[in-house]
Amino acid sequence: MTQTASVLADPGADGRFGAFGGRYVPEALIPACRSLEREFRSAWSDSAFREHLTRTLAVYAGRPTPVTPAARLSAELGVTVLLKREDLAHTGSHKINNVLGQALLAQRRGCTTLLAETGAGQHGVATATVGALLGLDVTVFMGAKDVERQALNVFRMELLGAKVVPVTSGSQTLADATSEAFRHWVGQSETAHYCIGSVMGPHPYPWMVREFQRVIGEEARGQCAQLLPAGIPDVVVACVGGGSNAAGTFAGFVGTSARLVGVEAAGGASIGNGSPGILHGFESYLLQNDDGQVLEAHSVSAGLDYPGVGPEHAHLADSGRATYVSADDDEVLAAMVKLARTEGILGALESCHAVAWVLRAAGTDELPTSSTVLVTLSGRGDKDAAQVRELLK
């Protein structure tokens, strides 16, 4: 398959992935974004920084995470299913990979505070965790609706010493939490680092977060080489909200023959139902009306309840290198139960969007019998247990 040079590569000074990306922020934040880009380029080319991050990911975050063959599910579906177990990373999701990288970068830059947005709470928990580890103050912005449906993660953040700020504007979900975090960063950019949790935001964030999450795909590529006769799965699939776990996974396989599939929430399918627009400092596919007003997204999973998608995913879709589909709430709940009862693994609602697609596609032209599929299980479902209990009544 033909690839363009910018697919999962350095987007350059303008931060563009094809037609998408860029840096659309208030004038007051331009110096902060440019400084962050310079510092990231410097750190990422510094072997000492890279070695420190790799060592911390190993001894603190528990990397590498394993790839687990899902034997019973595979037998039932007629396809070989492998699970990349980011649910086994410290704090219960892939978020720790990015947060450790950004926090070490913030410390290198002399920042004393981390600001973060969160939806499902996993990014907030990871930020609070690393803040405690490194002695940095942490403030997390979270939509008021998400504060209610993710009460356990709110308590975890507060127990770790973070301040959690409920956001009551708009839809009171992830998009509004992100807007509030940006507003606070404008006034604190000299001492605070905004630790964005996904491959979104102004340049250099989409690129930087993808690079910090690249460890998922690079590990999985090597692990699949040991587990599969062909060395590479036929299909690689991950859930997509902003899309950091998918971007990190795809980075390990974009240069191979593997088909890349991102699974959005049906009520927030920006690539499937959106159009190009600008939100939170970047250009990508957004859910919006004919007047350009951003619409509310919906998902049973708080982490995918966002009306846009990372700009590199928009480019991967337009280039044809990746395919983006969606799964609805009922499919996701069924997938969560199926995974739990066949493999003894409680996956996060976000991750179960990817599992739902595998259940639907197995035995069809999308995922033929006897094919192999790698699913990134981006997080564990403990955080969703109370919500799911109510939904399944």
Protein backbone atom coordinates (compact mmCIF):
# COMPACT_ATOMS: atom_id res chain seq x y z
CA MET A 1 0.00 0.00 0.00
CA THR A 2 1.37 3.40 -0.94
CA GLN A 3 2.16 5.69 1.98
CA THR A 4 2.73 9.42 2.04
CA ALA A 5 5.86 10.73 3.70
CA SER A 6 3.94 12.43 6.51
CA VAL A 7 2.09 9.29 7.71
CA LEU A 8 3.32 8.70 11.27
CA ALA A 9 6.42 10.79 10.67
CA ASP A 10 7.68 14.16 11.95
CA PRO A 11 5.04 16.72 10.86
CA GLY A 12 7.61 19.51 10.63
CA ALA A 13 7.51 23.02 12.05
CA ASP A 14 3.94 23.69 10.94
CA GLY A 15 2.63 20.51 12.58
CA ARG A 16 0.59 19.39 9.57
CA PHE A 17 -0.45 15.82 8.78
CA GLY A 18 -1.57 16.32 5.21
CA ALA A 19 -4.47 18.77 5.42
CA PHE A 20 -4.84 18.41 9.20
CA GLY A 21 -3.15 19.55 12.41
CA GLY A 22 -1.55 22.95 12.80
CA ARG A 23 -1.43 25.35 15.73
CA TYR A 24 -4.58 27.42 16.28
CA VAL A 25 -4.21 29.00 19.71
CA PRO A 26 -4.45 32.50 21.25
CA GLU A 27 -1.41 34.68 20.63
CA ALA A 28 -0.51 34.36 24.32
CA LEU A 29 0.08 30.62 23.90
CA ILE A 30 2.19 30.73 20.72
CA PRO A 31 5.47 31.21 22.64
CA ALA A 32 4.58 28.34 25.00
CA CYS A 33 3.83 25.98 22.11
CA ARG A 34 7.00 26.93 20.27
CA SER A 35 9.08 26.52 23.41
CA LEU A 36 7.50 23.12 24.04
CA GLU A 37 8.32 22.02 20.49
CA ARG A 38 11.96 23.09 20.88
CA GLU A 39 12.28 21.33 24.22
CA PHE A 40 10.64 18.15 22.96
CA ARG A 41 12.89 18.00 19.90
CA SER A 42 15.90 18.50 22.15
CA ALA A 43 14.79 15.88 24.68
CA TRP A 44 13.76 13.31 22.07
CA SER A 45 17.20 13.50 20.47
CA ASP A 46 18.92 13.25 23.88
CA SER A 47 19.86 9.63 24.60
CA ALA A 48 19.99 10.33 28.35
CA PHE A 49 16.37 11.55 28.36
CA ARG A 50 15.21 8.58 26.28
CA GLU A 51 17.06 6.12 28.52
CA HIS A 52 15.61 7.72 31.67
CA LEU A 53 12.07 7.46 30.25
CA THR A 54 12.57 3.86 29.12
CA ARG A 55 13.98 2.87 32.51
CA THR A 56 11.12 4.57 34.39
CA LEU A 57 8.52 2.93 32.15
CA ALA A 58 10.11 -0.44 32.98
CA VAL A 59 10.66 -0.17 36.73
CA TYR A 60 7.66 2.03 37.59
CA ALA A 61 4.99 1.57 34.90
CA GLY A 62 5.58 -2.15 34.34
CA ARG A 63 6.62 -2.20 30.69
CA PRO A 64 6.71 -4.16 28.53
CA THR A 65 3.05 -5.16 28.75
CA PRO A 66 2.37 -8.63 27.35
CA VAL A 67 0.49 -9.74 24.28
CA THR A 68 -2.04 -12.34 25.44
CA PRO A 69 -3.51 -14.94 23.05
CA ALA A 70 -7.29 -14.97 23.59
CA ALA A 71 -7.64 -18.73 23.12
CA ARG A 72 -11.31 -19.29 23.94
CA LEU A 73 -12.49 -16.19 22.08
CA SER A 74 -10.36 -17.18 19.08
CA ALA A 75 -11.86 -20.68 18.99
CA GLU A 76 -15.38 -19.27 19.16
CA LEU A 77 -14.82 -16.67 16.42
CA GLY A 78 -12.64 -18.69 14.05
CA VAL A 79 -9.91 -16.03 14.00
CA THR A 80 -6.74 -15.73 16.06
CA VAL A 81 -7.20 -12.89 18.55
CA LEU A 82 -4.20 -11.36 20.35
CA LEU A 83 -4.62 -8.72 23.06
CA LYS A 84 -1.98 -6.05 23.71
CA ARG A 85 -2.45 -5.65 27.45
CA GLU A 86 -2.18 -1.95 28.26
CA ASP A 87 -4.70 -2.67 31.02
CA LEU A 88 -1.77 -4.22 32.91
CA ALA A 89 0.31 -1.02 32.91
CA HIS A 90 0.51 0.92 36.17
CA THR A 91 -2.69 2.95 36.78
CA GLY A 92 -4.61 0.57 34.50
CA SER A 93 -4.20 2.03 31.03
CA HIS A 94 -1.83 3.24 28.31
CA LYS A 95 -2.11 6.81 29.65
CA ILE A 96 0.94 6.36 31.90
CA ASN A 97 3.24 6.13 28.84
CA ASN A 98 2.43 9.63 27.63
CA VAL A 99 2.15 11.22 31.07
CA LEU A 100 5.56 9.99 32.19
CA GLY A 101 7.09 11.38 29.02
CA GLN A 102 5.39 14.75 29.31
CA ALA A 103 6.04 15.07 33.05
CA LEU A 104 9.75 14.34 32.65
CA LEU A 105 9.80 16.92 29.86
CA ALA A 106 7.99 19.44 32.10
CA GLN A 107 10.50 18.80 34.87
CA ARG A 108 13.34 19.32 32.39
CA ARG A 109 11.76 22.66 31.41
CA GLY A 110 11.50 23.80 35.06
CA CYS A 111 7.71 23.60 35.35
CA THR A 112 6.24 23.03 38.81
CA THR A 113 2.62 22.27 37.93
CA LEU A 114 0.82 19.86 35.63
CA LEU A 115 -2.61 20.72 34.19
CA ALA A 116 -4.69 17.96 32.62
CA GLU A 117 -8.11 17.26 31.16
CA THR A 118 -9.78 13.90 31.60
CA GLY A 119 -12.92 12.09 30.47
CA ALA A 120 -12.92 8.53 31.76
CA GLY A 121 -10.48 9.61 34.44
CA GLN A 122 -7.58 7.36 33.42
CA HIS A 123 -5.50 10.24 32.09
CA GLY A 124 -6.26 12.21 35.24
CA VAL A 125 -5.24 9.28 37.42
CA ALA A 126 -2.02 8.82 35.45
CA THR A 127 -1.22 12.55 35.74
CA ALA A 128 -1.94 12.57 39.47
CA THR A 129 0.22 9.46 39.89
CA VAL A 130 3.21 10.89 38.06
CA GLY A 131 2.78 14.24 39.79
CA ALA A 132 3.13 12.44 43.11
CA LEU A 133 6.14 10.50 41.83
CA LEU A 134 7.98 13.64 40.66
CA GLY A 135 6.75 16.12 43.29
CA LEU A 136 4.69 18.25 40.87
CA ASP A 137 1.37 19.94 41.70
CA VAL A 138 -1.53 18.59 39.63
CA THR A 139 -4.89 20.12 38.68
CA VAL A 140 -7.28 17.99 36.65
CA PHE A 141 -10.33 19.38 34.80
CA MET A 142 -13.20 16.94 34.40
CA GLY A 143 -16.72 17.37 33.06
CA ALA A 144 -19.34 17.30 35.82
CA LYS A 145 -21.16 14.39 34.16
CA ASP A 146 -17.92 12.40 34.03
CA VAL A 147 -17.23 13.22 37.70
CA GLU A 148 -20.48 11.39 38.49
CA ARG A 149 -20.01 8.36 36.25
CA GLN A 150 -16.32 7.97 37.12
CA ALA A 151 -16.51 8.63 40.86
CA LEU A 152 -13.90 5.97 41.65
CA ASN A 153 -11.29 7.64 39.46
CA VAL A 154 -12.08 11.03 41.00
CA PHE A 155 -11.35 9.56 44.43
CA ARG A 156 -8.14 7.98 43.13
CA MET A 157 -6.94 11.36 41.79
CA GLU A 158 -7.72 13.12 45.05
CA LEU A 159 -6.08 10.36 47.08
CA LEU A 160 -2.94 10.89 44.99
CA GLY A 161 -2.96 14.58 45.89
CA ALA A 162 -4.45 16.13 42.75
CA LYS A 163 -7.09 18.85 42.70
CA VAL A 164 -10.09 17.81 40.58
CA VAL A 165 -12.11 20.69 39.12
CA PRO A 166 -15.64 19.76 37.88
CA VAL A 167 -16.55 21.62 34.68
CA THR A 168 -20.24 22.57 34.47
CA SER A 169 -20.29 24.35 31.10
CA GLY A 170 -21.60 22.91 27.82
CA SER A 171 -22.10 19.16 27.71
CA GLN A 172 -20.09 18.78 30.96
CA THR A 173 -17.89 16.11 29.37
CA LEU A 174 -14.38 15.77 27.90
CA ALA A 175 -14.61 18.58 25.32
CA ASP A 176 -15.57 21.12 27.98
CA ALA A 177 -12.87 19.87 30.35
CA THR A 178 -10.33 20.39 27.57
CA SER A 179 -11.56 23.94 26.93
CA GLU A 180 -11.27 24.77 30.62
CA ALA A 181 -7.74 23.37 30.83
CA PHE A 182 -6.69 25.54 27.87
CA ARG A 183 -8.14 28.64 29.56
CA HIS A 184 -6.14 28.01 32.70
CA TRP A 185 -2.96 27.29 30.75
CA VAL A 186 -3.09 30.75 29.17
CA GLY A 187 -2.57 32.31 32.58
CA GLN A 188 0.01 29.80 33.86
CA SER A 189 2.10 28.89 30.83
CA GLU A 190 5.36 30.13 32.41
CA THR A 191 5.20 27.70 35.35
CA ALA A 192 2.62 25.07 34.34
CA HIS A 193 2.74 22.39 31.67
CA TYR A 194 -0.55 21.36 30.07
CA CYS A 195 -0.31 17.58 29.89
CA ILE A 196 -2.74 16.79 27.06
CA GLY A 197 -3.93 13.21 27.22
CA SER A 198 -4.41 12.33 23.56
CA VAL A 199 -3.10 12.98 20.04
CA MET A 200 -4.99 16.26 19.79
CA GLY A 201 -4.39 19.93 20.52
CA PRO A 202 -1.99 22.37 18.86
CA HIS A 203 1.38 21.31 17.46
CA PRO A 204 3.53 19.73 18.90
CA TYR A 205 1.01 17.76 21.02
CA PRO A 206 -0.41 15.30 18.44
CA TRP A 207 3.10 14.37 17.32
CA MET A 208 4.61 14.38 20.82
CA VAL A 209 1.87 12.23 22.36
CA ARG A 210 2.10 9.75 19.47
CA GLU A 211 5.84 9.44 20.02
CA PHE A 212 5.39 8.82 23.74
CA GLN A 213 2.77 6.15 22.91
CA ARG A 214 4.85 4.57 20.14
CA VAL A 215 6.16 2.10 22.72
CA ILE A 216 2.85 0.19 22.44
CA GLY A 217 3.25 -0.56 18.75
CA GLU A 218 6.97 -1.20 18.87
CA GLU A 219 6.57 -3.71 21.70
CA ALA A 220 3.61 -5.38 19.99
CA ARG A 221 5.46 -5.68 16.69
CA GLY A 222 8.27 -7.61 18.36
CA GLN A 223 5.88 -9.73 20.40
CA CYS A 224 3.79 -10.66 17.34
CA ALA A 225 6.98 -11.68 15.56
CA GLN A 226 7.48 -14.28 18.30
CA LEU A 227 3.84 -15.43 18.48
CA LEU A 228 2.67 -15.57 14.86
CA PRO A 229 4.08 -17.79 12.07
CA ALA A 230 3.80 -14.87 9.64
CA GLY A 231 5.27 -12.50 12.22
CA ILE A 232 2.68 -9.80 11.55
CA PRO A 233 -1.08 -9.87 12.24
CA ASP A 234 -3.46 -9.45 9.31
CA VAL A 235 -5.35 -6.72 11.16
CA VAL A 236 -4.42 -4.32 13.96
CA VAL A 237 -7.35 -2.68 15.73
CA ALA A 238 -7.73 -0.10 18.51
CA CYS A 239 -10.43 2.21 19.83
CA VAL A 240 -10.32 5.88 18.81
CA GLY A 241 -11.55 8.95 20.68
CA GLY A 242 -8.76 11.46 20.38
CA GLY A 243 -6.82 8.37 19.43
CA SER A 244 -3.57 8.07 21.39
CA ASN A 245 -3.60 4.32 22.02
CA ALA A 246 -4.44 3.73 18.35
CA ALA A 247 -1.72 6.12 17.14
CA GLY A 248 0.85 4.44 19.36
CA THR A 249 -0.21 1.00 18.19
CA PHE A 250 -0.37 1.94 14.50
CA ALA A 251 3.13 3.44 14.72
CA GLY A 252 4.53 -0.06 15.12
CA PHE A 253 2.70 -1.47 12.10
CA VAL A 254 2.24 1.36 9.60
CA GLY A 255 5.22 0.15 7.60
CA THR A 256 3.94 -3.42 7.38
CA SER A 257 1.21 -5.21 5.44
CA ALA A 258 -1.16 -5.19 8.44
CA ARG A 259 -4.54 -3.55 7.91
CA LEU A 260 -5.10 -0.77 10.47
CA VAL A 261 -8.61 -0.32 11.90
CA GLY A 262 -9.70 2.39 14.33
CA VAL A 263 -13.05 2.02 16.09
CA GLU A 264 -14.90 5.17 17.12
CA ALA A 265 -18.00 5.45 19.29
CA ALA A 266 -21.12 5.51 17.11
CA GLY A 267 -22.28 8.68 18.85
CA GLY A 268 -18.94 10.39 18.39
CA ALA A 269 -17.71 9.10 15.03
CA SER A 270 -15.93 12.22 13.83
CA ILE A 271 -14.27 10.51 10.87
CA GLY A 272 -17.42 8.67 9.90
CA ASN A 273 -19.88 11.53 10.42
CA GLY A 274 -17.82 14.70 10.72
CA SER A 275 -16.32 17.35 8.49
CA PRO A 276 -13.07 19.38 8.65
CA GLY A 277 -13.00 22.10 11.28
CA ILE A 278 -10.92 23.59 14.07
CA LEU A 279 -11.23 22.80 17.78
CA HIS A 280 -8.83 23.00 20.71
CA GLY A 281 -5.98 24.30 18.60
CA PHE A 282 -5.98 21.79 15.73
CA GLU A 283 -7.74 21.09 12.45
CA SER A 284 -9.37 17.71 11.96
CA TYR A 285 -12.71 16.00 11.41
CA LEU A 286 -15.30 17.30 13.88
CA LEU A 287 -18.95 16.73 14.58
CA GLN A 288 -20.49 20.07 13.60
CA ASN A 289 -23.56 21.56 11.99
CA ASP A 290 -23.77 23.50 8.72
CA ASP A 291 -22.85 26.70 10.56
CA GLY A 292 -19.66 25.19 11.97
CA GLN A 293 -21.02 24.88 15.51
CA VAL A 294 -19.50 21.86 17.26
CA LEU A 295 -22.09 19.26 18.22
CA GLU A 296 -22.17 17.13 21.35
CA ALA A 297 -20.80 13.61 21.06
CA HIS A 298 -22.23 10.62 22.91
CA SER A 299 -20.65 7.43 24.10
CA VAL A 300 -21.27 5.00 26.93
CA SER A 301 -17.52 5.43 27.55
CA ALA A 302 -16.47 8.80 28.94
CA GLY A 303 -13.07 8.54 27.28
CA LEU A 304 -14.55 8.50 23.75
CA ASP A 305 -17.15 11.19 24.43
CA TYR A 306 -15.36 13.80 22.28
CA PRO A 307 -16.58 15.53 19.08
CA GLY A 308 -13.26 15.39 17.23
CA VAL A 309 -10.38 13.08 16.41
CA GLY A 310 -6.62 13.52 16.38
CA PRO A 311 -5.38 15.12 13.15
CA GLU A 312 -3.06 12.27 12.26
CA HIS A 313 -6.00 9.87 12.31
CA ALA A 314 -7.84 12.18 9.92
CA HIS A 315 -4.81 12.00 7.64
CA LEU A 316 -4.51 8.22 7.97
CA ALA A 317 -8.16 7.97 6.93
CA ASP A 318 -7.78 10.32 3.97
CA SER A 319 -4.60 8.60 2.81
CA GLY A 320 -6.31 5.21 2.93
CA ARG A 321 -3.67 3.70 5.21
CA ALA A 322 -6.19 3.14 8.02
CA THR A 323 -9.90 2.37 8.06
CA TYR A 324 -12.24 3.86 10.67
CA VAL A 325 -15.49 2.24 11.73
CA SER A 326 -17.78 2.61 14.75
CA ALA A 327 -19.48 0.52 17.43
CA ASP A 328 -22.63 1.45 19.33
CA ASP A 329 -23.24 1.28 23.08
CA ASP A 330 -25.10 -2.04 23.02
CA GLU A 331 -22.33 -3.71 21.02
CA VAL A 332 -19.74 -2.38 23.45
CA LEU A 333 -21.55 -3.63 26.54
CA ALA A 334 -21.96 -7.05 24.92
CA ALA A 335 -18.26 -7.09 24.03
CA MET A 336 -17.29 -6.23 27.59
CA VAL A 337 -19.34 -9.18 28.89
CA LYS A 338 -18.04 -11.54 26.19
CA LEU A 339 -14.39 -10.71 26.91
CA ALA A 340 -14.92 -11.09 30.65
CA ARG A 341 -16.64 -14.47 30.35
CA THR A 342 -14.40 -16.05 27.71
CA GLU A 343 -11.00 -14.72 28.81
CA GLY A 344 -11.41 -13.55 32.39
CA ILE A 345 -10.37 -10.03 31.37
CA LEU A 346 -12.43 -6.98 32.30
CA GLY A 347 -11.71 -4.44 29.56
CA ALA A 348 -12.49 -0.74 29.74
CA LEU A 349 -15.58 0.42 27.86
CA GLU A 350 -13.29 2.40 25.56
CA SER A 351 -11.21 -0.66 24.68
CA CYS A 352 -14.31 -2.79 24.20
CA HIS A 353 -15.21 -0.72 21.14
CA ALA A 354 -12.30 -2.47 19.43
CA VAL A 355 -13.41 -5.84 20.78
CA ALA A 356 -16.96 -5.14 19.56
CA TRP A 357 -15.72 -4.64 16.00
CA VAL A 358 -13.83 -7.95 16.12
CA LEU A 359 -16.98 -9.75 17.30
CA ARG A 360 -18.99 -8.16 14.48
CA ALA A 361 -16.39 -8.56 11.74
CA ALA A 362 -15.15 -12.10 12.46
CA GLY A 363 -15.97 -14.47 9.62
CA THR A 364 -16.80 -11.67 7.17
CA ASP A 365 -14.73 -10.12 4.39
CA GLU A 366 -13.48 -7.57 6.94
CA LEU A 367 -11.96 -10.27 9.15
CA PRO A 368 -12.03 -13.63 7.34
CA THR A 369 -11.94 -16.96 9.12
CA SER A 370 -8.38 -18.07 10.03
CA SER A 371 -7.03 -14.51 9.92
CA THR A 372 -5.08 -12.96 12.80
CA VAL A 373 -6.02 -9.77 14.64
CA LEU A 374 -4.17 -7.78 17.28
CA VAL A 375 -6.44 -5.75 19.58
CA THR A 376 -5.00 -3.06 21.82
CA LEU A 377 -6.76 -3.38 25.15
CA SER A 378 -6.06 0.18 26.18
CA GLY A 379 -7.38 -0.01 29.74
CA ARG A 380 -9.04 -2.10 32.40
CA GLY A 381 -12.73 -1.94 33.21
CA ASP A 382 -12.71 -1.62 37.00
CA LYS A 383 -13.50 2.08 36.60
CA ASP A 384 -16.64 1.21 34.61
CA ALA A 385 -18.01 -1.54 36.86
CA ALA A 386 -20.56 0.56 38.74
CA GLN A 387 -21.80 2.22 35.54
CA VAL A 388 -22.07 -1.10 33.69
CA ARG A 389 -23.90 -2.71 36.60
CA GLU A 390 -26.63 -0.09 36.25
CA LEU A 391 -26.75 -0.36 32.46
CA LEU A 392 -27.10 -4.15 32.54
CA LYS A 393 -29.98 -4.21 35.04
